[in-house]
Amino acid sequence: MSGHRTAREDALDPNRRIGSVCAVFPSRLHINLGDGAARSRTLLYGAPLGTGQVGEFVLIDCDQHIVLGRVNTVRLLERERLAINPSLGEQTAVDPIGEIDLLATLNRVTGKLVPGVENHPRLGSLVYAPAPRFISQLVAHHQEGDAPRVALDLGAASGIPDARVKVTPERMFGRHCAILGATGGGKSFTIAKLVEETSKAKGKAILIDATGEFYTLGSHAEHVSLGQPLHGESEVHLPFSALEEQDLYGLFQPSGKVQGPKLREAIYSLRIAHILNSTTDPSLKAIRDELVSARMLRDGLIVKENGPRAPFESAMSALRHQIEAPNAEFDITLLATQVSNECCYATGRPAGYFGGHEDSGDAWCSPLVARINAVRSGAELRVFFDLTGDSLLDRIDRFLDGSASTLRISLASVPYGFNAREIVANALGRRLLSLARQGRFKTKPLIVFLDEAHNFLNRYIGTDDAMVKLDAFDQIAKEGRKHWLTIALATQRPRDLPEGVLSQMGTMVVHRLINHRDREVVERASGDIDRASVAFLPTLAPGQAAMIGVDFPFPLTVSIDRPATPPDSAGPDYQTHWL
């Protein structure tokens, strides 16, 4: 903390005075700036000296406190506006007026920095430019305590190249993190930089790479691909057992009042057959023998047509808890045939038996049967039904137990059809949340980076009665933190994220946002953002980002360092390949 105290003591260096307060409002004030604000910047102690330009931070002397502000407007009085025109003669001195947004208050005795204004400056209070490292020291140590052992070196405060911004993982990821910005704003570079810094700190992170652009991370991560590898990754598959009944509804999309119930009955029947064919329990073996003797249990199928109801109902009663489990196993290859087997009348003759084949039900279910066969046999969904490579779930378990810092899961080969991408991502999120609830991350916290998050959150699949919400990451945002599982969402469309999820993000790294609706969403989600920061968002240069959050005492604009291994985000090269 010695460096922090030195920064506090030297904060109001008389040589850095740039003006004085001439008007005070509840959340802003006006200051008289020196003539330097209208001229070129000068140097002090070998470093640039702030003169009160738009976007610069300033310090206002307020007795026991120092108020931190940011310049959002600089103007001249009407009578002086022509004085800065170039001329051959002597230049006339001018007195610009600066408008300052008040951000935070620093106690000069304790060194504690808190958002807001505890004591407002008075008329005539002196205004100073901060020393180069002052801002970064405030971000790193705005509360009392020793310097952190682990900090992520992200870049430099914009306009102050010597002011490095180092943020602790607790502040960056502890309350979840959102990385927002329009295309080309530097969002992917920020993800790569955060992954690199996590790797340096020997943390644990899983990167769900929606487009495959992060293959450039190289040795910073282990690389696996769901489906055909595109950049030398190890191919893995997602075991069918990872899917729940709602995922099957999303894949097979049953419609109407008939297909949905028949699909559920078929799944239950196949689960019963799977359990009975592998059981060693004497009571279940007796039920199995009854079904076999009645020719209702055949080749892994349940054939109800004209069969006795009693043994089947006994099996349903004995196994109800197991077959209603979300991911209970069954033979997916028999699903289409079992749906057809469910198309029989509920009662027949004699009493106590199922009825004969129901032609109308079979006709209603024939489109569902065709979809099931098409989904199963199509190359698009090989990630579910082709067992090529390791199980992704096993690979995740080995990663969590191993020494590697980052596991990158590429979804580039997962098709957009059949809601496959959404279902895969949701199944991954659900698996990680299940591990978190078991206390798996209490020894080492896990960060999940989700790129293109707008494609995976606030999503509904299916239609009508079969519509289901894919909400695994919504649940992680709500409860993952207490299990030491946090997420870092990245998107160029903040307006498409659920407002409830965005409000759970304790830290937001906001790159350039042009769309006014996106800026409004960010402003609503963060109670600490000042209006000047919102105004600056459309003008941020590529690589610049505003860091906003409950653990940050004031919004800070940072020039994110270029990562050592930038992602492959390049578009088409027309100059090379045209003509």
Foldseek 3Di string as FASTA:
>chain_A
DVVLLVLLVCFPPVVFWFFFWAADDQFKTKTWGWLCQLDDWDDDPRFTRDNQYAQAWKWWDAPQKIWIKGWHDKDFDPVCRCQSPDDPDDGDRGIIMTMIGTFWMAGSPQQAIFGDDPDTHDGGTIMGGGDLQNVQSCQQPNHDDDGDPAWQFFAGFPPRRVHTHTHHCCLDWLLFEEEEAAPLQASQQSVLSVLQSLLVVLAAEEEAAAAPQPPLNPPLAQEEELPDDDNPHFYFFAELLLAFPLLVCLQLQQDDPQQVVLLLVLLLQLLLLVDLVPDPDPVSVVLVVQQVVQVQRDPSEGQQAFGFPVSVVVSCVVCVVQSNPGRRDGDLVCSLVNSQSSQWACAPPPGRGTHHGHPVSNVSCPSSSVSSVCSQPPPLRCSHNPRPGHHVVVVVVCSLVDSRRYYYYYHNSRDPPSVRVLSVVLSVLQVVVVCLVVLSCVVGAYEYEYEQCLSHAPDWGHDDPSIDHSCSVVVCLVPVSVSRYHYYYYHHCQVSHPLSSLLSHQKYWAGAHDDPSNLVSVPVSAVSADPSVSVCRNVGHRQWTWIGGPSGSHITIGRTDRRPRRTPPDDDDCVPPDD
